[in-house]
Protein backbone atom coordinates (compact mmCIF):
# COMPACT_ATOMS: atom_id res chain seq x y z
CA MET A 1 -83.44 14.04 -10.39
CA ALA A 2 -85.16 16.60 -12.61
CA GLU A 3 -85.82 18.80 -9.57
CA GLN A 4 -82.20 18.49 -8.44
CA ASN A 5 -80.98 19.49 -11.90
CA ARG A 6 -83.33 22.49 -11.90
CA ILE A 7 -81.99 23.66 -8.53
CA ARG A 8 -78.40 23.12 -9.64
CA GLU A 9 -78.89 25.19 -12.80
CA GLN A 10 -80.62 28.00 -10.91
CA ILE A 11 -77.76 28.20 -8.42
CA ARG A 12 -75.23 28.28 -11.24
CA SER A 13 -77.17 31.13 -12.81
CA VAL A 14 -76.88 33.05 -9.54
CA LEU A 15 -73.15 32.33 -9.31
CA ASP A 16 -72.67 33.64 -12.85
CA THR A 17 -73.67 37.08 -11.56
CA PHE A 18 -70.85 37.17 -8.98
CA PRO A 19 -68.08 39.67 -9.75
CA HIS A 20 -65.50 36.96 -8.97
CA THR A 21 -65.17 33.18 -9.03
CA PRO A 22 -67.33 31.93 -6.13
CA ARG A 23 -65.53 30.00 -3.40
CA ALA A 24 -66.68 27.75 -0.56
CA HIS A 25 -65.12 26.81 2.77
CA VAL A 26 -66.19 23.72 4.75
CA GLN A 27 -64.85 23.04 8.23
CA SER A 28 -65.77 19.88 10.15
CA PHE A 29 -65.55 19.31 13.89
CA GLY A 30 -65.85 16.14 15.97
CA CYS A 31 -65.90 12.48 14.98
CA GLN A 32 -64.72 10.69 11.84
CA LEU A 33 -68.31 10.48 10.58
CA ASN A 34 -68.54 14.26 10.69
CA PHE A 35 -65.34 14.62 8.67
CA CYS A 36 -66.70 12.08 6.20
CA ASP A 37 -69.90 14.14 5.87
CA GLY A 38 -67.73 17.22 5.36
CA GLU A 39 -66.16 15.60 2.28
CA LYS A 40 -69.64 15.19 0.83
CA TYR A 41 -70.53 18.82 1.56
CA LYS A 42 -67.38 19.80 -0.33
CA GLY A 43 -68.38 17.57 -3.22
CA ILE A 44 -71.86 19.09 -3.43
CA LEU A 45 -70.52 22.65 -3.39
CA GLN A 46 -67.89 21.88 -5.99
CA ASP A 47 -70.55 20.29 -8.19
CA LEU A 48 -72.62 23.49 -7.91
CA GLY A 49 -69.74 25.54 -9.29
CA PHE A 50 -67.78 26.66 -6.23
CA LEU A 51 -64.02 26.49 -5.93
CA LEU A 52 -62.95 25.14 -2.53
CA THR A 53 -60.77 27.23 -0.26
CA ASP A 54 -59.10 26.68 3.10
CA GLU A 55 -59.40 30.39 3.90
CA PRO A 56 -62.76 31.58 5.32
CA GLU A 57 -61.93 35.16 4.32
CA GLU A 58 -61.98 34.14 0.62
CA ALA A 59 -65.29 32.26 0.78
CA ASP A 60 -68.77 33.11 -0.46
CA VAL A 61 -70.24 30.08 1.35
CA ILE A 62 -68.95 28.93 4.74
CA LEU A 63 -70.29 25.72 6.29
CA PHE A 64 -69.45 24.60 9.81
CA ASN A 65 -70.19 20.87 10.08
CA ALA A 66 -70.33 20.52 13.84
CA CYS A 67 -70.45 17.77 16.46
CA ALA A 68 -72.84 17.81 19.43
CA VAL A 69 -71.28 15.09 21.60
CA ARG A 70 -69.51 17.43 24.05
CA ALA A 71 -70.62 20.82 25.34
CA HIS A 72 -67.06 22.19 25.16
CA ALA A 73 -66.89 21.39 21.44
CA GLU A 74 -70.18 23.22 20.87
CA SER A 75 -68.86 26.30 22.67
CA ARG A 76 -65.83 26.34 20.36
CA VAL A 77 -68.05 26.22 17.29
CA ILE A 78 -70.25 29.05 18.57
CA GLY A 79 -67.10 31.09 19.15
CA ARG A 80 -65.94 30.40 15.59
CA LEU A 81 -69.35 31.45 14.25
CA GLY A 82 -69.08 34.75 16.09
CA ALA A 83 -65.78 35.46 14.36
CA LEU A 84 -67.51 35.19 10.96
CA LYS A 85 -69.56 38.35 11.56
CA ALA A 86 -66.66 40.55 10.48
CA ILE A 87 -66.15 38.47 7.31
CA LYS A 88 -69.85 38.80 6.47
CA GLU A 89 -69.64 42.59 6.82
CA LYS A 90 -66.81 42.67 4.29
CA ASN A 91 -68.57 40.31 1.87
CA PRO A 92 -72.35 40.85 1.61
CA LEU A 93 -72.58 37.84 -0.75
CA LEU A 94 -71.38 35.47 1.98
CA VAL A 95 -73.79 32.71 3.07
CA VAL A 96 -73.01 31.04 6.40
CA GLY A 97 -74.43 27.65 7.40
CA LEU A 98 -74.33 25.32 10.38
CA CYS A 99 -74.60 21.59 9.62
CA GLY A 100 -74.38 18.28 11.41
CA CYS A 101 -75.47 16.96 14.81
CA MET A 102 -75.25 20.34 16.50
CA ALA A 103 -77.82 21.78 14.11
CA GLU A 104 -80.42 19.28 15.36
CA GLU A 105 -80.60 20.91 18.82
CA ASP A 106 -83.54 23.25 19.39
CA GLU A 107 -81.60 25.53 21.75
CA VAL A 108 -78.79 25.92 19.19
CA ARG A 109 -81.18 27.01 16.44
CA ALA A 110 -82.88 29.42 18.85
CA LEU A 111 -79.48 30.91 19.71
CA LEU A 112 -78.64 31.33 16.03
CA ARG A 113 -81.87 33.21 15.33
CA LYS A 114 -81.37 35.47 18.33
CA SER A 115 -77.65 36.20 18.31
CA TYR A 116 -76.26 35.10 14.93
CA PRO A 117 -78.74 36.29 12.28
CA PHE A 118 -76.04 36.12 9.60
CA VAL A 119 -76.25 32.30 9.80
CA LYS A 120 -78.73 31.61 7.00
CA ILE A 121 -78.61 27.81 6.55
CA VAL A 122 -79.14 25.04 9.10
CA LEU A 123 -78.85 21.40 7.99
CA GLY A 124 -79.30 18.51 10.40
CA ALA A 125 -77.24 15.33 10.40
CA GLY A 126 -78.28 13.28 7.39
CA ALA A 127 -79.80 16.21 5.52
CA MET A 128 -76.72 17.07 3.48
CA GLU A 129 -78.43 16.46 0.13
CA LYS A 130 -80.78 19.35 1.00
CA LEU A 131 -77.87 21.81 0.77
CA PRO A 132 -78.57 22.95 -2.83
CA GLU A 133 -82.26 23.47 -2.04
CA THR A 134 -81.61 25.52 1.12
CA LEU A 135 -78.85 27.52 -0.59
CA LEU A 136 -81.20 28.43 -3.44
CA LYS A 137 -83.85 29.57 -0.95
CA VAL A 138 -81.32 31.95 0.61
CA TYR A 139 -80.30 33.28 -2.80
CA GLU A 140 -83.99 33.83 -3.52
CA GLY A 141 -84.41 35.94 -0.39
CA GLU A 142 -85.26 33.67 2.54
CA LYS A 143 -83.67 34.88 5.77
CA PHE A 144 -83.34 31.42 7.34
CA ALA A 145 -83.50 28.06 5.53
CA GLU A 146 -83.32 24.78 7.41
CA SER A 147 -83.78 21.05 6.89
CA LEU A 148 -83.79 18.67 9.85
CA LYS A 149 -84.48 15.10 10.96
CA PHE A 150 -83.79 13.46 7.62
CA ALA A 151 -84.02 9.84 8.76
CA GLY A 152 -83.14 8.07 5.52
CA LEU A 153 -79.76 7.32 3.97
CA PRO A 154 -77.71 9.84 1.98
CA ASP A 155 -78.10 9.64 -1.78
CA GLU A 156 -75.46 7.19 -3.03
CA SER A 157 -74.78 9.47 -5.99
CA LEU A 158 -73.64 12.43 -3.86
CA PRO A 159 -70.19 13.62 -5.00
CA THR A 160 -67.29 13.46 -2.56
CA VAL A 161 -64.06 15.45 -2.35
CA ARG A 162 -61.50 13.22 -0.65
CA THR A 163 -58.88 14.95 1.48
CA SER A 164 -56.34 12.15 0.98
CA SER A 165 -55.28 10.12 -2.03
CA PHE A 166 -54.39 7.02 0.02
CA GLN A 167 -56.80 7.06 3.00
CA ALA A 168 -60.59 7.10 2.78
CA SER A 169 -63.51 6.83 5.19
CA VAL A 170 -66.59 4.86 4.14
CA PRO A 171 -69.76 4.93 6.29
CA VAL A 172 -71.51 1.57 6.48
CA MET A 173 -74.39 2.64 8.73
CA TYR A 174 -75.84 5.75 10.34
CA GLY A 175 -77.55 6.48 13.64
CA CYS A 176 -77.62 4.65 16.95
CA ASN A 177 -80.17 2.60 18.92
CA ASN A 178 -78.20 2.22 22.15
CA PHE A 179 -79.26 5.30 24.16
CA CYS A 180 -76.34 5.35 26.57
CA THR A 181 -77.43 7.74 29.31
CA TYR A 182 -74.52 10.16 28.76
CA CYS A 183 -74.80 10.35 24.97
CA ILE A 184 -76.86 12.61 22.74
CA VAL A 185 -76.06 10.84 19.45
CA PRO A 186 -79.36 8.89 19.09
CA TYR A 187 -81.29 12.15 19.48
CA VAL A 188 -79.31 14.02 16.81
CA ARG A 189 -78.30 11.22 14.42
CA GLY A 190 -81.52 9.20 14.56
CA ARG A 191 -82.05 5.46 14.63
CA GLU A 192 -79.74 2.94 12.99
CA ARG A 193 -79.87 2.64 9.19
CA SER A 194 -77.54 0.39 7.19
CA ARG A 195 -76.29 0.96 3.66
CA GLN A 196 -76.74 -1.78 1.10
CA PRO A 197 -73.69 -4.09 1.01
CA GLU A 198 -73.49 -3.71 -2.79
CA ALA A 199 -73.16 0.07 -2.45
CA ILE A 200 -70.44 -0.27 0.18
CA GLU A 201 -68.54 -2.85 -1.87
CA ASN A 202 -68.72 -0.70 -5.02
CA GLU A 203 -67.39 2.33 -3.15
CA VAL A 204 -64.56 0.39 -1.51
CA ARG A 205 -63.64 -1.34 -4.77
CA GLY A 206 -63.49 2.01 -6.58
CA LEU A 207 -61.24 3.47 -3.87
CA ILE A 208 -58.85 0.53 -4.01
CA GLU A 209 -58.70 0.65 -7.80
CA SER A 210 -57.83 4.36 -7.57
CA GLY A 211 -54.83 3.55 -5.33
CA CYS A 212 -56.27 3.95 -1.85
CA LYS A 213 -54.28 2.01 0.77
CA GLU A 214 -56.45 2.40 3.87
CA ILE A 215 -60.23 2.06 4.09
CA LEU A 216 -61.82 3.15 7.38
CA LEU A 217 -65.34 1.76 7.78
CA LEU A 218 -67.49 4.03 9.94
CA GLY A 219 -70.62 3.85 12.01
CA GLN A 220 -71.83 4.88 15.45
CA ASN A 221 -71.85 1.12 16.12
CA VAL A 222 -70.47 -0.79 13.14
CA ASN A 223 -71.09 -4.12 14.88
CA SER A 224 -74.83 -3.63 14.50
CA TYR A 225 -74.51 -3.27 10.72
CA GLY A 226 -77.37 -4.96 8.89
CA VAL A 227 -80.26 -3.29 10.73
CA GLY A 228 -83.15 -2.62 8.38
CA LEU A 229 -81.80 -4.55 5.40
CA GLU A 230 -84.19 -6.96 3.67
CA THR A 231 -81.45 -9.50 2.99
CA PRO A 232 -79.85 -10.54 6.31
CA ILE A 233 -76.15 -9.72 6.66
CA ASN A 234 -74.06 -8.93 9.72
CA PHE A 235 -70.84 -6.95 10.08
CA PRO A 236 -68.42 -9.92 9.97
CA ALA A 237 -70.09 -11.06 6.74
CA LEU A 238 -69.64 -7.56 5.28
CA LEU A 239 -65.97 -7.63 6.28
CA ARG A 240 -65.45 -11.00 4.58
CA ARG A 241 -67.07 -9.65 1.44
CA LEU A 242 -64.80 -6.59 1.34
CA ASP A 243 -61.70 -8.62 2.20
CA GLN A 244 -62.14 -10.58 -1.04
CA ILE A 245 -61.43 -7.48 -3.15
CA GLU A 246 -58.00 -7.84 -4.76
CA GLY A 247 -55.33 -5.26 -4.00
CA ASP A 248 -52.75 -4.09 -1.47
CA TYR A 249 -54.69 -2.26 1.23
CA ILE A 250 -55.77 -2.24 4.89
CA ILE A 251 -59.32 -2.22 6.24
CA ARG A 252 -59.87 -0.55 9.61
CA PHE A 253 -63.18 0.24 11.32
CA MET A 254 -64.74 2.09 14.25
CA SER A 255 -66.57 2.23 16.54
CA SER A 256 -67.61 -1.11 17.98
CA HIS A 257 -70.04 -1.63 20.85
CA PRO A 258 -68.94 -4.41 23.25
CA LYS A 259 -72.47 -5.82 23.53
CA ASP A 260 -72.37 -6.64 19.80
CA ALA A 261 -68.74 -7.82 19.55
CA THR A 262 -68.61 -11.57 18.89
CA PRO A 263 -66.06 -14.37 18.42
CA GLU A 264 -67.17 -14.40 14.76
CA LEU A 265 -65.85 -10.85 14.43
CA ILE A 266 -62.45 -11.77 15.87
CA ASP A 267 -62.23 -14.94 13.76
CA THR A 268 -63.06 -12.94 10.63
CA MET A 269 -60.36 -10.37 11.38
CA LEU A 270 -57.68 -12.98 12.07
CA ALA A 271 -58.52 -15.03 8.98
CA SER A 272 -58.51 -12.02 6.66
CA ARG A 273 -55.90 -10.79 4.22
CA HIS A 274 -56.51 -7.08 4.67
CA ILE A 275 -58.28 -6.36 7.99
CA GLU A 276 -56.13 -4.95 10.79
CA HIS A 277 -55.54 -7.05 13.92
CA HIS A 278 -56.75 -4.29 16.17
CA LEU A 279 -60.15 -3.54 17.68
CA HIS A 280 -61.29 -0.24 19.13
CA LEU A 281 -63.71 -1.49 21.78
CA PRO A 282 -64.97 1.37 24.02
CA VAL A 283 -65.51 0.10 27.56
CA GLN A 284 -66.20 3.52 29.17
CA CYS A 285 -65.79 2.22 32.76
CA GLY A 286 -64.55 -0.79 34.73
CA SER A 287 -67.46 -0.92 37.17
CA ASP A 288 -70.63 -2.94 36.58
CA THR A 289 -72.57 -0.46 38.72
CA VAL A 290 -71.54 2.48 36.56
CA LEU A 291 -71.97 0.50 33.33
CA LYS A 292 -75.57 -0.18 34.36
CA ALA A 293 -76.12 3.52 35.09
CA MET A 294 -74.66 4.28 31.66
CA ASN A 295 -77.05 1.74 30.04
CA ARG A 296 -74.15 -0.01 28.34
CA ARG A 297 -75.80 -3.47 28.51
CA TYR A 298 -72.72 -5.55 29.23
CA THR A 299 -70.66 -6.40 32.31
CA VAL A 300 -66.93 -6.20 32.90
CA GLU A 301 -66.82 -9.99 32.82
CA LYS A 302 -68.53 -10.17 29.41
CA TYR A 303 -66.19 -7.49 28.07
CA LEU A 304 -63.11 -9.38 29.27
CA THR A 305 -64.40 -12.58 27.65
CA MET A 306 -64.00 -10.89 24.28
CA ILE A 307 -60.50 -9.65 25.11
CA ASP A 308 -59.38 -13.09 26.31
CA TYR A 309 -60.79 -14.79 23.21
CA ALA A 310 -58.81 -12.52 20.87
CA ARG A 311 -55.58 -12.75 22.85
CA ARG A 312 -55.76 -16.55 22.98
CA LYS A 313 -55.98 -16.57 19.19
CA ASP A 314 -53.27 -13.91 18.73
CA PRO A 315 -51.24 -12.62 21.73
CA ASP A 316 -50.21 -9.54 19.71
CA PHE A 317 -53.82 -8.56 18.91
CA GLY A 318 -54.23 -4.85 19.66
CA PHE A 319 -56.99 -3.16 21.65
CA SER A 320 -57.79 0.48 22.22
CA SER A 321 -60.72 1.95 24.09
CA ASP A 322 -62.66 5.00 25.27
CA LEU A 323 -62.92 5.71 29.00
CA ILE A 324 -65.06 8.26 30.81
CA VAL A 325 -63.75 9.45 34.16
CA GLY A 326 -66.11 11.13 36.63
CA PHE A 327 -69.50 9.82 35.52
CA PRO A 328 -71.98 11.24 38.07
CA THR A 329 -72.42 7.95 39.98
CA GLU A 330 -68.72 7.00 39.90
CA THR A 331 -67.15 6.42 43.33
CA GLU A 332 -63.50 5.80 44.17
CA GLU A 333 -64.28 2.08 44.31
CA ASP A 334 -65.79 2.24 40.81
CA PHE A 335 -62.69 4.03 39.55
CA LEU A 336 -60.40 1.40 41.06
CA GLY A 337 -62.36 -1.13 38.98
CA THR A 338 -61.35 0.85 35.89
CA MET A 339 -57.71 0.81 36.99
CA ASP A 340 -57.92 -2.98 37.45
CA LEU A 341 -59.48 -3.32 34.01
CA ILE A 342 -56.75 -1.46 32.13
CA SER A 343 -54.11 -3.49 33.99
CA ARG A 344 -55.83 -6.70 32.92
CA VAL A 345 -56.50 -5.76 29.28
CA LYS A 346 -53.24 -3.92 28.58
CA TYR A 347 -54.60 -1.46 26.02
CA ASP A 348 -52.25 -0.15 23.39
CA ASN A 349 -54.04 3.19 23.48
CA LEU A 350 -56.79 4.91 25.46
CA TYR A 351 -58.98 7.87 24.57
CA THR A 352 -59.89 9.34 27.95
CA PHE A 353 -62.52 11.96 28.76
CA ILE A 354 -63.73 13.68 31.88
CA TYR A 355 -67.51 13.36 31.92
CA SER A 356 -69.28 16.36 30.37
CA PRO A 357 -73.06 16.67 30.96
CA ARG A 358 -75.15 16.98 27.81
CA THR A 359 -78.55 18.60 28.06
CA GLY A 360 -81.27 16.20 26.96
CA THR A 361 -79.59 13.03 28.24
CA LEU A 362 -80.59 11.07 31.33
CA ALA A 363 -77.14 11.36 32.91
CA ALA A 364 -77.36 15.17 32.87
CA LYS A 365 -80.03 14.89 35.59
CA MET A 366 -77.88 12.72 37.88
CA GLU A 367 -76.16 14.11 40.99
CA PHE A 368 -72.37 13.88 41.28
CA VAL A 369 -71.06 11.76 44.14
CA SER A 370 -67.45 12.93 43.67
CA THR A 371 -65.88 16.38 43.62
CA GLN A 372 -64.22 17.84 40.54
CA GLU A 373 -60.89 17.70 42.40
CA GLU A 374 -61.33 13.96 42.98
CA ILE A 375 -62.26 13.43 39.33
CA ALA A 376 -59.21 15.38 38.09
CA ASP A 377 -56.95 13.31 40.36
CA ARG A 378 -58.46 10.10 38.97
CA MET A 379 -57.74 11.22 35.43
CA ARG A 380 -54.13 11.96 36.36
CA ARG A 381 -53.71 8.51 37.92
CA LEU A 382 -55.35 6.81 34.96
CA LEU A 383 -53.09 8.49 32.40
CA GLU A 384 -49.98 7.71 34.46
CA LYS A 385 -50.95 4.06 34.73
CA GLN A 386 -51.72 3.76 31.03
CA ARG A 387 -48.34 5.24 30.07
CA GLU A 388 -46.65 2.53 32.14
CA ILE A 389 -48.80 -0.21 30.59
CA SER A 390 -48.26 0.96 27.00
CA GLU A 391 -44.50 1.18 27.28
CA GLU A 392 -44.21 -2.26 28.89
CA PHE A 393 -46.75 -4.07 26.69
CA ASN A 394 -45.41 -2.57 23.46
CA LYS A 395 -42.15 -4.43 24.10
CA ARG A 396 -43.86 -7.52 22.68
CA PHE A 397 -43.03 -6.13 19.23
CA LEU A 398 -39.29 -5.55 19.80
CA GLY A 399 -37.27 -7.27 17.09
CA LYS A 400 -40.36 -8.25 15.12
CA ASN A 401 -41.25 -7.29 11.56
CA VAL A 402 -44.52 -5.39 11.18
CA ARG A 403 -46.41 -3.70 8.37
CA MET A 404 -47.38 -0.04 8.49
CA LEU A 405 -48.99 2.58 6.31
CA ALA A 406 -46.76 5.66 6.19
CA GLU A 407 -49.11 8.64 6.66
CA LYS A 408 -46.79 11.65 6.98
CA ARG A 409 -43.43 12.90 8.19
CA ASP A 410 -42.97 14.46 11.60
CA PRO A 411 -42.06 18.13 10.93
CA GLU A 412 -39.68 18.19 13.91
CA THR A 413 -37.84 14.86 13.57
CA GLY A 414 -38.29 14.21 9.85
CA LEU A 415 -39.28 10.62 10.65
CA LEU A 416 -42.10 8.82 8.87
CA LEU A 417 -45.21 8.35 11.00
CA GLY A 418 -47.86 5.71 10.41
CA LYS A 419 -49.90 2.92 11.97
CA THR A 420 -49.24 -0.80 12.01
CA LEU A 421 -51.75 -3.56 11.30
CA GLU A 422 -52.16 -3.76 15.09
CA GLY A 423 -53.20 -0.10 15.22
CA LEU A 424 -49.98 1.16 16.84
CA VAL A 425 -48.23 4.39 15.88
CA LEU A 426 -44.78 3.72 14.42
CA GLU A 427 -41.98 6.10 13.46
CA ALA A 428 -39.09 5.25 11.16
CA PRO A 429 -36.53 7.01 8.94
CA GLY A 430 -37.75 7.37 5.38
CA GLU A 431 -38.41 9.65 2.43
CA ASP A 432 -41.39 11.63 1.17
CA ALA A 433 -41.74 9.01 -1.56
CA HIS A 434 -42.72 6.48 1.14
CA ILE A 435 -45.79 8.45 2.24
CA GLY A 436 -49.00 6.69 1.24
CA LYS A 437 -47.33 3.30 0.91
CA LEU A 438 -47.53 0.09 2.91
CA LEU A 439 -44.06 -0.65 4.28
CA ASP A 440 -42.39 -3.54 6.07
CA VAL A 441 -40.56 -2.36 9.19
CA ARG A 442 -38.42 -4.02 11.88
CA VAL A 443 -39.25 -2.69 15.37
CA THR A 444 -36.10 -1.46 17.13
CA GLY A 445 -37.49 0.63 19.98
CA VAL A 446 -40.53 1.24 22.17
CA LYS A 447 -42.05 4.37 23.69
CA ASN A 448 -45.25 4.78 25.68
CA TRP A 449 -47.01 6.25 22.66
CA ALA A 450 -45.29 4.66 19.66
CA LEU A 451 -42.91 2.07 18.24
CA SER A 452 -39.64 2.94 16.52
CA GLY A 453 -38.26 0.96 13.62
CA GLU A 454 -36.25 0.74 10.43
CA LEU A 455 -37.54 0.03 6.93
CA LEU A 456 -36.81 -3.40 5.48
């Protein structure tokens, strides 16, 4: 703590020499965990004495907190970095940094040194508390300051700047032990580490007391929460503990791995007062052959057992999922298994991706058995089928009363937009005063992407 205070004071002394009030810009890319980390980066910079700005041209520190899951996303970030060269030329005081999963890749750091020498700070995923130290090194003359492979947990005392007054993300664990063959996350986020339940409960309680209406619990695999803790506790037990907090709020969470989803989890959700009746359960593919090649460690039959258990308990229980189309070993027969799966499950929503090879993963070395034209056609057929399923299955809510959190107003229609306790998007007439509140709504219409309703 004494060392952190020394660094903080030295940075503030540097900022006092600026001819203007120093400003910082943080932009996050990728998953919810990255955006959650971005809020902590903002908190650290604000604590050091920076004002936050949404305009890169105004900033004296610019941090890109970037995801490494997809190659296309990385290319976008590199392009954005290139555009900062002109801003750096106009402002010699500007310090540019790259943070997050992307910063953990050796080839990315080599590219920065070669082609983007104005990038002075590199912080790996989980090394955010090293930001003041690396920033001070740059102010003291170092040309390139980095901190990587920080395998512990973030300091619980790190400040956070929340982007919403009524929605908040709370990480419960970091890292991943699954090593799916297409995924780079375990290599850039490290092994699984769980936060202490007391720390999570204190954070959630404080958010609820401050008026927060939606808590989103985060982890690469929240179902494996409890890894590394001395006192045994699993994710359903954590949920029950948080559900006991008094207040009017919703608890959501993501992402869940099917191999760790249990009847106890479903029972906990259905018996709760605050946990949504919706589970995001990424299946990735409807073929056992492909699932084995992906190292997913479950079968289609085991996956469906979980779906059937939840729907027997509550026919309206909502499911969403991730699906990868065009995995290297995927044949037309494998794809038809995926089509059968979505017809059987009746997902409310799907997040679909065409497979993108990631250097450093086992799948990147596999040969494709299908052409890109065949893969594109499969994606088209999948999306068309899912639109039909969503519109038909959503009719189960017609005439029913549901609860939703109003998140914003559609700028084109003026309607309130939010999500129900079943995880469905809902639109309804309302006022700005309704935003950020939990509302009771009667469902009057159904679309393939949302419900329509009227406030009660």
